Amino acid sequence: MTNQIKWRSPSNIAIVKYWGKYGTQLPMNSSISFTLKNSFTETSILWQERTKDSAHEFFYNGMKADQFRKKIISFINSIEEELISLKQLSLQIDSVNNFPHSTGIASSASSMSALALCLVKMQEQTTSEKYDWCEFQTRASIVARLGSGSACRSVFPYCAQWGFHPQIPNSHQEYAIALESLLHNSFKEVADWIFIVNPNEKKVSSRAGHSLMENHPYREARISQAQQNCKLVYDALQQGDWELFIRVCEEEALSLHGLMMSSQPGYLLLEEDSIAIVKSIQQFRKESKIPVCFTIDAGPNIHILFPKTALDKVNDWAISQFPNYIKEGRIIKDEMGAGPVQLI
């Protein structure tokens, strides 16, 4: 038996940040994210019956990648009880990113969700298990979470929430849920432009950052803040309240980096350009009255979020204020997207 499957899955940008975990990849607080369209990973799996001499193989951008292989193989071995077909198969996994990994654009979210989607679909094709679409998404979200927490949100289109919240129906610790049907019209077409301040791998991994939350002096206050902010963003998205959304979105970005700086040991991922771009976005919003705001993941790169109706004005601002980023192709022009797609 020889078979192949391939999925494309996008990154996502967290509005309310997931930072800190316990148990088996369970979040200390709930989070909400926008699913992106143009920043994605494509992953294919070629599988065959396992023999005593066969082994799983992993390729990144067409080459054997030892730095990722150990993590991927460990993950696959850890979920053999979750996906029983893995015990009888050996896999060749090929993964390709269309954006820089480990720079704070959630490459683990796109890569692990793409892998999870492949694995769950492979489980369907090699066993008697069959899922309807909602069951498939939930199962893929669970498997993705086991590889990377934020990956469980990338399984869903446009907008997703993860982590139990008493005021958010159907929210769960073990998988994300779709929020697409709740979105107000003004939040159905949102652009996300990513300023690549530094394309290099960040100095401290997100995994290490999460572990520093275990004994963080602000841990309990952060959990309370995030739970409150999750409900505020949940309400803003339904009501079309950009003013509330902007306030919470920027607070969350700065809180995330504040937590990094006040960890033990503390660390700083923002760079001089990061701060300059943040200040320019805030000044642009003040002068133009356009609902633009920033958010930042665990890296130096800056996301600017705004309604797609403001594309021309934002483009004029970027050309005026950051011509070198335009000239050097250091802005990824992304937007909310329809989620993963099966390619093979």
Protein backbone atom coordinates (compact mmCIF):
# COMPACT_ATOMS: atom_id res chain seq x y z
CA MET A 1 0.00 0.00 0.00
CA THR A 2 1.32 3.45 -0.97
CA ASN A 3 -0.64 6.65 -0.67
CA GLN A 4 -0.21 10.40 -0.48
CA ILE A 5 -2.13 13.33 0.93
CA LYS A 6 -1.37 17.07 0.98
CA TRP A 7 -2.85 20.07 2.80
CA ARG A 8 -2.21 23.78 2.80
CA SER A 9 -2.85 25.45 6.14
CA PRO A 10 -2.41 29.11 7.07
CA SER A 11 -0.79 30.87 9.96
CA ASN A 12 -2.97 32.87 12.31
CA ILE A 13 -2.48 36.08 14.24
CA ALA A 14 -3.64 36.06 17.84
CA ILE A 15 -5.62 39.08 18.97
CA VAL A 16 -5.90 37.84 22.56
CA LYS A 17 -2.63 36.00 23.17
CA TYR A 18 -2.14 32.44 24.39
CA TRP A 19 0.90 32.62 26.68
CA GLY A 20 1.56 29.95 29.27
CA LYS A 21 0.41 26.34 29.32
CA TYR A 22 0.02 23.32 31.58
CA GLY A 23 -0.54 19.59 31.23
CA THR A 24 -0.51 18.33 27.66
CA GLN A 25 -0.50 21.55 25.69
CA LEU A 26 -3.44 23.09 27.54
CA PRO A 27 -3.70 26.90 27.73
CA MET A 28 -3.57 28.94 30.93
CA ASN A 29 -5.99 31.38 29.27
CA SER A 30 -8.35 31.46 26.32
CA SER A 31 -7.35 33.21 23.09
CA ILE A 32 -8.86 34.56 19.88
CA SER A 33 -7.14 34.79 16.51
CA PHE A 34 -7.67 35.76 12.89
CA THR A 35 -6.86 33.05 10.35
CA LEU A 36 -4.61 34.40 7.60
CA LYS A 37 -4.75 33.77 3.87
CA ASN A 38 -1.34 34.30 2.25
CA SER A 39 1.08 33.08 4.96
CA PHE A 40 0.83 29.31 4.86
CA THR A 41 2.54 25.93 5.02
CA GLU A 42 2.03 23.14 2.51
CA THR A 43 2.63 19.66 3.92
CA SER A 44 2.39 16.33 2.17
CA ILE A 45 2.59 12.82 3.60
CA LEU A 46 3.58 9.79 1.55
CA TRP A 47 2.91 6.64 3.55
CA GLN A 48 3.47 2.92 3.24
CA GLU A 49 3.18 -0.14 5.43
CA ARG A 50 5.76 -0.15 8.19
CA THR A 51 8.54 -2.75 8.12
CA LYS A 52 11.24 -3.43 10.69
CA ASP A 53 13.69 -1.41 8.59
CA SER A 54 11.46 1.56 7.77
CA ALA A 55 11.50 4.90 9.57
CA HIS A 56 9.67 8.20 9.40
CA GLU A 57 11.44 10.86 7.31
CA PHE A 58 10.98 14.63 7.35
CA PHE A 59 11.96 17.18 4.70
CA TYR A 60 11.68 20.97 4.99
CA ASN A 61 11.81 23.02 1.78
CA GLY A 62 12.98 19.91 -0.07
CA MET A 63 15.89 19.09 2.23
CA LYS A 64 16.38 16.88 5.26
CA ALA A 65 16.06 19.16 8.27
CA ASP A 66 17.52 17.65 11.43
CA GLN A 67 16.52 20.67 13.56
CA PHE A 68 12.83 19.98 12.84
CA ARG A 69 12.95 16.21 12.27
CA LYS A 70 13.47 15.29 15.92
CA LYS A 71 10.50 17.40 17.03
CA ILE A 72 8.21 16.09 14.27
CA ILE A 73 9.09 12.43 14.81
CA SER A 74 8.68 12.81 18.58
CA PHE A 75 5.25 14.38 17.99
CA ILE A 76 4.15 11.58 15.66
CA ASN A 77 5.28 8.91 18.11
CA SER A 78 3.40 10.69 20.92
CA ILE A 79 0.04 10.54 19.12
CA GLU A 80 0.05 6.87 18.08
CA GLU A 81 -2.71 6.19 20.59
CA GLU A 82 -4.71 9.15 19.22
CA LEU A 83 -4.36 7.99 15.59
CA ILE A 84 -4.06 4.21 15.60
CA SER A 85 -3.06 3.90 11.94
CA LEU A 86 0.34 5.42 12.75
CA LYS A 87 1.43 2.16 14.40
CA GLN A 88 1.27 0.33 11.07
CA LEU A 89 2.70 3.00 8.77
CA SER A 90 5.97 4.72 7.97
CA LEU A 91 5.75 8.28 6.71
CA GLN A 92 7.68 10.61 4.46
CA ILE A 93 6.69 14.16 5.37
CA ASP A 94 7.49 17.12 3.14
CA SER A 95 6.80 20.63 4.42
CA VAL A 96 7.24 24.00 2.73
CA ASN A 97 6.67 27.46 4.23
CA ASN A 98 6.08 30.54 2.08
CA PHE A 99 7.23 32.89 4.87
CA PRO A 100 10.15 32.93 7.35
CA HIS A 101 9.91 30.45 10.21
CA SER A 102 10.60 31.21 13.89
CA THR A 103 10.36 35.00 13.46
CA GLY A 104 7.08 35.59 15.27
CA ILE A 105 4.59 34.90 12.46
CA ALA A 106 3.35 31.64 14.00
CA SER A 107 5.03 29.24 11.58
CA SER A 108 4.41 26.42 14.06
CA ALA A 109 0.67 27.17 13.79
CA SER A 110 0.61 26.72 10.02
CA SER A 111 3.04 23.80 9.91
CA MET A 112 1.53 21.76 12.73
CA SER A 113 -2.05 22.38 11.59
CA ALA A 114 -1.13 21.30 8.04
CA LEU A 115 0.50 18.16 9.44
CA ALA A 116 -2.48 17.45 11.71
CA LEU A 117 -4.93 17.79 8.82
CA CYS A 118 -2.86 15.34 6.78
CA LEU A 119 -2.67 12.86 9.65
CA VAL A 120 -6.40 12.94 10.45
CA LYS A 121 -7.32 12.56 6.77
CA MET A 122 -4.81 9.68 6.53
CA GLN A 123 -6.51 8.07 9.53
CA GLU A 124 -9.82 8.25 7.66
CA GLN A 125 -8.35 6.69 4.52
CA THR A 126 -6.53 3.84 6.27
CA THR A 127 -9.17 2.83 8.85
CA SER A 128 -12.93 2.48 9.12
CA GLU A 129 -13.17 5.82 10.93
CA LYS A 130 -15.18 8.48 9.09
CA TYR A 131 -15.99 12.03 10.21
CA ASP A 132 -18.39 14.70 9.09
CA TRP A 133 -16.78 18.09 8.45
CA CYS A 134 -17.31 19.43 11.98
CA GLU A 135 -15.94 16.24 13.52
CA PHE A 136 -12.97 16.34 11.16
CA GLN A 137 -12.14 19.94 12.11
CA THR A 138 -12.41 19.20 15.82
CA ARG A 139 -10.24 16.08 15.54
CA ALA A 140 -7.64 17.98 13.49
CA SER A 141 -7.71 20.84 16.01
CA ILE A 142 -7.02 18.41 18.88
CA VAL A 143 -4.10 16.79 17.04
CA ALA A 144 -2.71 20.18 15.96
CA ARG A 145 -2.84 21.40 19.57
CA LEU A 146 -0.71 18.47 20.69
CA GLY A 147 2.01 19.68 18.31
CA SER A 148 1.67 23.44 18.85
CA GLY A 149 -0.98 25.16 20.93
CA SER A 150 -1.74 27.98 18.52
CA ALA A 151 -1.98 25.50 15.61
CA CYS A 152 -5.39 24.35 16.84
CA ARG A 153 -6.86 27.71 15.77
CA SER A 154 -5.47 27.56 12.20
CA VAL A 155 -7.81 24.68 11.36
CA PHE A 156 -10.74 27.12 11.21
CA PRO A 157 -11.53 29.89 8.69
CA TYR A 158 -11.44 33.62 9.38
CA CYS A 159 -11.59 33.68 13.18
CA ALA A 160 -11.22 31.12 15.99
CA GLN A 161 -11.26 30.90 19.76
CA TRP A 162 -9.42 28.39 21.97
CA GLY A 163 -9.58 27.66 25.68
CA PHE A 164 -12.53 27.33 28.01
CA HIS A 165 -14.29 30.58 28.78
CA PRO A 166 -17.49 30.60 30.85
CA GLN A 167 -19.01 33.35 28.69
CA ILE A 168 -18.14 31.89 25.28
CA PRO A 169 -20.46 29.04 24.21
CA ASN A 170 -18.83 25.72 23.24
CA SER A 171 -15.33 26.91 24.19
CA HIS A 172 -12.98 24.09 25.16
CA GLN A 173 -9.47 23.51 26.49
CA GLU A 174 -8.63 20.71 24.07
CA TYR A 175 -9.62 22.27 20.75
CA ALA A 176 -10.53 25.57 19.11
CA ILE A 177 -13.93 26.61 17.81
CA ALA A 178 -14.93 28.68 14.77
CA LEU A 179 -16.20 32.23 15.28
CA GLU A 180 -16.82 33.00 11.61
CA SER A 181 -20.62 32.95 11.92
CA LEU A 182 -20.55 35.55 14.71
CA LEU A 183 -18.52 38.18 12.86
CA HIS A 184 -20.11 41.58 12.23
CA ASN A 185 -19.89 42.69 8.60
CA SER A 186 -17.18 45.23 9.48
CA PHE A 187 -14.92 42.37 10.64
CA LYS A 188 -15.47 40.05 7.69
CA GLU A 189 -12.77 41.63 5.51
CA VAL A 190 -9.74 42.57 7.59
CA ALA A 191 -6.25 43.09 6.18
CA ASP A 192 -3.09 42.14 8.06
CA TRP A 193 0.14 43.60 6.75
CA ILE A 194 3.25 42.22 8.41
CA PHE A 195 6.34 44.42 8.63
CA ILE A 196 9.37 42.12 8.61
CA VAL A 197 11.67 44.01 10.96
CA ASN A 198 14.00 41.03 11.22
CA PRO A 199 13.63 37.80 9.17
CA ASN A 200 16.07 35.83 11.31
CA GLU A 201 15.10 33.22 13.86
CA LYS A 202 14.20 34.86 17.17
CA LYS A 203 16.61 34.53 20.09
CA VAL A 204 14.12 32.86 22.47
CA SER A 205 11.62 30.29 21.21
CA SER A 206 7.93 30.53 22.02
CA ARG A 207 8.19 27.13 23.73
CA ALA A 208 10.79 28.54 26.12
CA GLY A 209 8.69 31.68 26.63
CA HIS A 210 5.64 29.63 27.58
CA SER A 211 7.66 27.70 30.17
CA LEU A 212 8.72 30.95 31.85
CA MET A 213 5.06 31.67 32.64
CA GLU A 214 4.92 28.76 35.09
CA ASN A 215 6.55 30.79 37.87
CA HIS A 216 5.96 34.28 36.49
CA PRO A 217 5.18 36.87 39.19
CA TYR A 218 2.27 38.21 37.09
CA ARG A 219 0.85 34.81 36.13
CA GLU A 220 -2.53 35.06 37.87
CA ALA A 221 -3.04 38.68 36.86
CA ARG A 222 -2.26 37.75 33.25
CA ILE A 223 -4.80 34.92 33.24
CA SER A 224 -7.46 37.27 34.59
CA GLN A 225 -6.55 39.99 32.07
CA ALA A 226 -6.67 37.58 29.13
CA GLN A 227 -10.00 36.07 30.12
CA GLN A 228 -11.52 39.54 30.41
CA ASN A 229 -9.99 40.63 27.10
CA CYS A 230 -11.25 37.50 25.35
CA LYS A 231 -14.83 38.41 26.22
CA LEU A 232 -14.27 42.04 25.17
CA VAL A 233 -12.90 41.00 21.76
CA TYR A 234 -15.66 38.40 21.38
CA ASP A 235 -18.21 41.18 21.93
CA ALA A 236 -16.39 43.69 19.69
CA LEU A 237 -16.30 41.24 16.78
CA GLN A 238 -20.05 40.65 17.01
CA GLN A 239 -20.94 44.32 17.46
CA GLY A 240 -18.56 45.74 14.85
CA ASP A 241 -16.88 47.83 17.55
CA TRP A 242 -13.48 48.73 16.09
CA GLU A 243 -12.72 51.19 18.90
CA LEU A 244 -12.99 48.48 21.56
CA PHE A 245 -11.18 45.99 19.34
CA ILE A 246 -8.24 48.36 18.83
CA ARG A 247 -7.91 49.11 22.53
CA VAL A 248 -7.79 45.47 23.53
CA CYS A 249 -5.71 44.32 20.55
CA GLU A 250 -2.90 46.77 21.29
CA GLU A 251 -3.07 46.14 25.03
CA GLU A 252 -2.65 42.42 24.39
CA ALA A 253 0.38 42.93 22.13
CA LEU A 254 2.14 45.13 24.67
CA SER A 255 1.18 42.85 27.56
CA LEU A 256 2.73 39.87 25.77
CA HIS A 257 6.05 41.63 25.39
CA GLY A 258 5.78 43.01 28.92
CA LEU A 259 5.49 39.43 30.18
CA MET A 260 8.63 38.49 28.26
CA MET A 261 10.57 41.41 29.67
CA SER A 262 9.46 40.67 33.24
CA SER A 263 10.16 36.92 33.07
CA GLN A 264 13.08 35.40 34.94
CA PRO A 265 15.29 35.57 33.00
CA GLY A 266 13.76 38.48 31.13
CA TYR A 267 14.28 39.03 27.42
CA LEU A 268 13.46 41.64 24.80
CA LEU A 269 12.45 40.73 21.23
CA LEU A 270 11.36 44.17 20.00
CA GLU A 271 13.87 46.17 17.96
CA GLU A 272 14.24 49.87 17.22
CA ASP A 273 12.20 49.60 14.02
CA SER A 274 9.49 47.65 15.86
CA ILE A 275 8.88 50.59 18.18
CA ALA A 276 9.09 53.14 15.35
CA ILE A 277 6.42 51.26 13.35
CA VAL A 278 4.12 50.98 16.38
CA LYS A 279 4.36 54.72 17.02
CA SER A 280 3.76 55.51 13.36
CA ILE A 281 0.62 53.31 13.26
CA GLN A 282 -0.80 55.07 16.31
CA GLN A 283 -0.05 58.51 14.84
CA PHE A 284 -1.58 57.50 11.51
CA ARG A 285 -4.76 56.37 13.27
CA LYS A 286 -4.97 59.63 15.22
CA GLU A 287 -4.54 61.81 12.14
CA SER A 288 -6.60 59.81 9.63
CA LYS A 289 -9.38 58.55 11.92
CA ILE A 290 -9.02 55.20 10.12
CA PRO A 291 -9.43 52.16 12.43
CA VAL A 292 -5.92 50.78 12.08
CA CYS A 293 -4.05 49.08 14.90
CA PHE A 294 -1.02 46.94 15.57
CA THR A 295 -0.46 43.58 17.12
CA ILE A 296 2.75 41.64 17.68
CA ASP A 297 3.43 37.96 18.18
CA ALA A 298 6.49 36.61 19.99
CA GLY A 299 9.05 38.33 17.78
CA PRO A 300 10.08 41.76 16.45
CA ASN A 301 7.77 41.88 13.44
CA ILE A 302 4.73 44.16 13.49
CA HIS A 303 1.25 43.40 12.19
CA ILE A 304 -1.02 46.26 11.14
CA LEU A 305 -4.71 45.34 11.10
CA PHE A 306 -7.38 47.40 9.33
CA PRO A 307 -10.60 47.07 7.26
CA LYS A 308 -9.85 46.27 3.63
CA THR A 309 -11.87 49.35 2.65
CA ALA A 310 -8.87 51.40 3.85
CA LEU A 311 -6.29 49.60 1.65
CA ASP A 312 -5.43 52.58 -0.55
CA LYS A 313 -4.91 54.97 2.36
CA VAL A 314 -2.81 52.46 4.29
CA ASN A 315 -0.72 51.83 1.19
CA ASP A 316 -0.11 55.58 0.78
CA TRP A 317 0.93 55.80 4.45
CA ALA A 318 3.34 52.86 4.11
CA ILE A 319 4.95 54.34 0.98
CA SER A 320 5.34 57.69 2.72
CA GLN A 321 6.59 56.47 6.08
CA PHE A 322 8.46 53.24 5.29
CA PRO A 323 9.66 53.38 1.67
CA ASN A 324 12.59 51.06 2.41
CA TYR A 325 10.20 48.31 3.53
CA ILE A 326 8.24 48.72 0.28
CA LYS A 327 11.38 48.78 -1.87
CA GLU A 328 12.96 45.76 -0.16
CA GLY A 329 9.76 43.70 -0.14
CA ARG A 330 9.68 43.56 3.65
CA ILE A 331 5.90 43.84 4.00
CA ILE A 332 3.79 40.69 3.71
CA LYS A 333 0.36 41.86 2.58
CA ASP A 334 -2.01 39.37 4.12
CA GLU A 335 -5.66 39.26 5.16
CA MET A 336 -8.24 37.09 6.88
CA GLY A 337 -8.73 33.90 4.93
CA ALA A 338 -10.99 30.90 4.43
CA GLY A 339 -8.72 28.44 6.21
CA PRO A 340 -7.00 25.22 5.15
CA VAL A 341 -7.51 23.45 1.83
CA GLN A 342 -6.74 19.89 0.79
CA LEU A 343 -4.47 19.81 -2.27
CA ILE A 344 -4.14 16.04 -2.81
